[in-house]
C-alpha atoms as a PDB file:
ATOM      1  CA  MET A   1    -183.065 148.146 -74.302  1.00  0.00           C
ATOM      2  CA  ILE A   2    -182.662 144.701 -72.739  1.00  0.00           C
ATOM      3  CA  GLU A   3    -185.737 142.959 -71.342  1.00  0.00           C
ATOM      4  CA  ARG A   4    -185.346 139.970 -69.029  1.00  0.00           C
ATOM      5  CA  LEU A   5    -188.258 137.610 -68.319  1.00  0.00           C
ATOM      6  CA  ASP A   6    -188.601 135.007 -65.571  1.00  0.00           C
ATOM      7  CA  THR A   7    -185.410 136.199 -63.925  1.00  0.00           C
ATOM      8  CA  SER A   8    -183.860 134.663 -60.826  1.00  0.00           C
ATOM      9  CA  THR A   9    -180.551 135.319 -59.116  1.00  0.00           C
ATOM     10  CA  ARG A  10    -178.796 132.876 -61.451  1.00  0.00           C
ATOM     11  CA  MET A  11    -180.427 133.419 -64.847  1.00  0.00           C
ATOM     12  CA  SER A  12    -183.322 134.632 -66.961  1.00  0.00           C
ATOM     13  CA  LYS A  13    -185.406 132.174 -68.956  1.00  0.00           C
ATOM     14  CA  ILE A  14    -185.717 134.748 -71.765  1.00  0.00           C
ATOM     15  CA  VAL A  15    -183.611 137.785 -72.647  1.00  0.00           C
ATOM     16  CA  LYS A  16    -184.898 140.079 -75.406  1.00  0.00           C
ATOM     17  CA  HIS A  17    -182.656 142.597 -77.188  1.00  0.00           C
ATOM     18  CA  ASN A  18    -182.800 144.290 -80.601  1.00  0.00           C
ATOM     19  CA  GLY A  19    -185.610 142.071 -81.901  1.00  0.00           C
ATOM     20  CA  VAL A  20    -183.965 138.824 -80.804  1.00  0.00           C
ATOM     21  CA  ALA A  21    -185.032 136.430 -78.027  1.00  0.00           C
ATOM     22  CA  TYR A  22    -182.361 134.366 -76.297  1.00  0.00           C
ATOM     23  CA  LEU A  23    -183.733 131.376 -74.385  1.00  0.00           C
ATOM     24  CA  CYS A  24    -182.010 129.574 -71.556  1.00  0.00           C
ATOM     25  CA  GLY A  25    -181.218 125.914 -72.154  1.00  0.00           C
ATOM     26  CA  GLN A  26    -184.251 123.634 -71.968  1.00  0.00           C
ATOM     27  CA  VAL A  27    -184.435 120.011 -70.875  1.00  0.00           C
ATOM     28  CA  GLY A  28    -187.325 117.580 -70.631  1.00  0.00           C
ATOM     29  CA  GLU A  29    -188.489 114.705 -68.490  1.00  0.00           C
ATOM     30  CA  GLY A  30    -188.891 111.166 -69.762  1.00  0.00           C
ATOM     31  CA  GLU A  31    -187.254 107.766 -69.942  1.00  0.00           C
ATOM     32  CA  THR A  32    -186.072 108.019 -73.550  1.00  0.00           C
ATOM     33  CA  VAL A  33    -184.228 110.640 -75.572  1.00  0.00           C
ATOM     34  CA  ALA A  34    -187.327 110.976 -77.771  1.00  0.00           C
ATOM     35  CA  GLU A  35    -189.563 111.692 -74.751  1.00  0.00           C
ATOM     36  CA  GLN A  36    -187.101 114.192 -73.321  1.00  0.00           C
ATOM     37  CA  THR A  37    -186.698 115.900 -76.704  1.00  0.00           C
ATOM     38  CA  ARG A  38    -190.479 116.210 -77.201  1.00  0.00           C
ATOM     39  CA  GLU A  39    -190.941 117.794 -73.767  1.00  0.00           C
ATOM     40  CA  CYS A  40    -187.916 120.038 -74.267  1.00  0.00           C
ATOM     41  CA  LEU A  41    -189.336 121.314 -77.576  1.00  0.00           C
ATOM     42  CA  SER A  42    -192.730 121.869 -75.947  1.00  0.00           C
ATOM     43  CA  ARG A  43    -191.060 124.032 -73.298  1.00  0.00           C
ATOM     44  CA  ILE A  44    -189.194 125.927 -76.020  1.00  0.00           C
ATOM     45  CA  GLU A  45    -192.479 126.607 -77.844  1.00  0.00           C
ATOM     46  CA  ALA A  46    -194.011 128.020 -74.642  1.00  0.00           C
ATOM     47  CA  LEU A  47    -191.012 130.293 -74.055  1.00  0.00           C
ATOM     48  CA  LEU A  48    -190.998 131.423 -77.684  1.00  0.00           C
ATOM     49  CA  GLN A  49    -194.669 132.334 -77.424  1.00  0.00           C
ATOM     50  CA  LYS A  50    -194.024 134.273 -74.211  1.00  0.00           C
ATOM     51  CA  ALA A  51    -191.176 136.110 -75.971  1.00  0.00           C
ATOM     52  CA  GLY A  52    -193.397 137.002 -78.948  1.00  0.00           C
ATOM     53  CA  SER A  53    -191.791 134.517 -81.319  1.00  0.00           C
ATOM     54  CA  SER A  54    -192.412 131.032 -82.720  1.00  0.00           C
ATOM     55  CA  PRO A  55    -190.579 127.971 -84.088  1.00  0.00           C
ATOM     56  CA  GLU A  56    -190.713 129.569 -87.568  1.00  0.00           C
ATOM     57  CA  HIS A  57    -188.509 132.402 -86.266  1.00  0.00           C
ATOM     58  CA  ILE A  58    -185.717 130.338 -84.683  1.00  0.00           C
ATOM     59  CA  LEU A  59    -182.365 131.593 -85.915  1.00  0.00           C
ATOM     60  CA  GLN A  60    -180.056 129.163 -84.160  1.00  0.00           C
ATOM     61  CA  ALA A  61    -180.277 126.035 -82.017  1.00  0.00           C
ATOM     62  CA  VAL A  62    -177.484 124.449 -80.013  1.00  0.00           C
ATOM     63  CA  ILE A  63    -178.215 120.892 -78.934  1.00  0.00           C
ATOM     64  CA  TRP A  64    -176.273 119.004 -76.283  1.00  0.00           C
ATOM     65  CA  LEU A  65    -176.629 115.241 -75.973  1.00  0.00           C
ATOM     66  CA  ALA A  66    -175.294 113.230 -73.045  1.00  0.00           C
ATOM     67  CA  ASP A  67    -174.325 110.565 -75.605  1.00  0.00           C
ATOM     68  CA  MET A  68    -173.942 111.084 -79.367  1.00  0.00           C
ATOM     69  CA  ALA A  69    -175.305 107.551 -79.811  1.00  0.00           C
ATOM     70  CA  ASP A  70    -178.709 109.226 -79.243  1.00  0.00           C
ATOM     71  CA  PHE A  71    -178.262 111.557 -82.260  1.00  0.00           C
ATOM     72  CA  ALA A  72    -180.661 109.699 -84.592  1.00  0.00           C
ATOM     73  CA  GLU A  73    -183.393 109.343 -81.941  1.00  0.00           C
ATOM     74  CA  MET A  74    -183.236 113.049 -81.077  1.00  0.00           C
ATOM     75  CA  ASN A  75    -183.151 114.024 -84.780  1.00  0.00           C
ATOM     76  CA  ALA A  76    -186.318 112.012 -85.515  1.00  0.00           C
ATOM     77  CA  VAL A  77    -188.232 114.166 -83.021  1.00  0.00           C
ATOM     78  CA  TRP A  78    -186.469 117.391 -84.051  1.00  0.00           C
ATOM     79  CA  ASP A  79    -187.099 116.836 -87.776  1.00  0.00           C
ATOM     80  CA  ALA A  80    -190.825 116.264 -87.176  1.00  0.00           C
ATOM     81  CA  TRP A  81    -191.041 119.432 -85.039  1.00  0.00           C
ATOM     82  CA  VAL A  82    -189.130 121.995 -87.127  1.00  0.00           C
ATOM     83  CA  PRO A  83    -191.523 123.809 -89.472  1.00  0.00           C
ATOM     84  CA  GLU A  84    -190.762 122.903 -93.092  1.00  0.00           C
ATOM     85  CA  GLY A  85    -188.667 125.573 -94.755  1.00  0.00           C
ATOM     86  CA  HIS A  86    -187.698 127.152 -91.420  1.00  0.00           C
ATOM     87  CA  ALA A  87    -184.739 125.038 -90.268  1.00  0.00           C
ATOM     88  CA  PRO A  88    -182.393 127.175 -88.149  1.00  0.00           C
ATOM     89  CA  ALA A  89    -178.617 127.177 -88.091  1.00  0.00           C
ATOM     90  CA  ARG A  90    -177.822 124.306 -85.739  1.00  0.00           C
ATOM     91  CA  ALA A  91    -175.019 122.622 -83.864  1.00  0.00           C
ATOM     92  CA  CYS A  92    -175.105 119.395 -81.890  1.00  0.00           C
ATOM     93  CA  GLY A  93    -172.461 118.037 -79.558  1.00  0.00           C
ATOM     94  CA  GLU A  94    -171.925 115.729 -76.629  1.00  0.00           C
ATOM     95  CA  ALA A  95    -171.634 117.100 -73.098  1.00  0.00           C
ATOM     96  CA  LYS A  96    -172.041 116.066 -69.498  1.00  0.00           C
ATOM     97  CA  LEU A  97    -175.416 117.591 -68.577  1.00  0.00           C
ATOM     98  CA  ALA A  98    -176.493 119.015 -65.206  1.00  0.00           C
ATOM     99  CA  ARG A  99    -178.064 115.786 -63.913  1.00  0.00           C
ATOM    100  CA  PRO A 100    -177.274 112.184 -64.883  1.00  0.00           C
ATOM    101  CA  VAL A 101    -180.911 111.500 -65.895  1.00  0.00           C
ATOM    102  CA  LEU A 102    -180.817 114.254 -68.540  1.00  0.00           C
ATOM    103  CA  ARG A 103    -180.078 113.102 -72.091  1.00  0.00           C
ATOM    104  CA  VAL A 104    -180.699 116.271 -74.153  1.00  0.00           C
ATOM    105  CA  GLU A 105    -180.584 120.060 -73.695  1.00  0.00           C
ATOM    106  CA  ILE A 106    -181.474 122.614 -76.357  1.00  0.00           C
ATOM    107  CA  ILE A 107    -180.570 126.325 -76.438  1.00  0.00           C
ATOM    108  CA  VAL A 108    -182.458 128.549 -78.896  1.00  0.00           C
ATOM    109  CA  THR A 109    -182.070 132.066 -80.272  1.00  0.00           C
ATOM    110  CA  ALA A 110    -185.034 133.439 -82.226  1.00  0.00           C
ATOM    111  CA  ALA A 111    -186.204 136.581 -83.984  1.00  0.00           C
ATOM    112  CA  ILE A 112    -189.145 138.247 -82.300  1.00  0.00           C
ATOM    113  CA  ALA A 113    -192.112 138.134 -84.694  1.00  0.00           C
END
């Protein structure tokens, strides 16, 4: 069975299937990459909770940066947020994001606790 949460015409914020939660890409507000990353991760935590999961259960994260020069700044926030011993498989690349003000977007797949 597939369960879709917070669904609109275009997308669902969460799709649950076979004990796995797939989250739509999350972005954050803020002037700096660090601020945007912190807010993005806060939004991810809220969605994980709604899906019945948590940061400890993240299986994979895909991170898009508008500029790879921001890699270290984003990683400083990410490294402080990821629960020790629970680092997911991860990829990070550079991409043109949906709006020019956006500097980071994170897509997460997690096991449902």
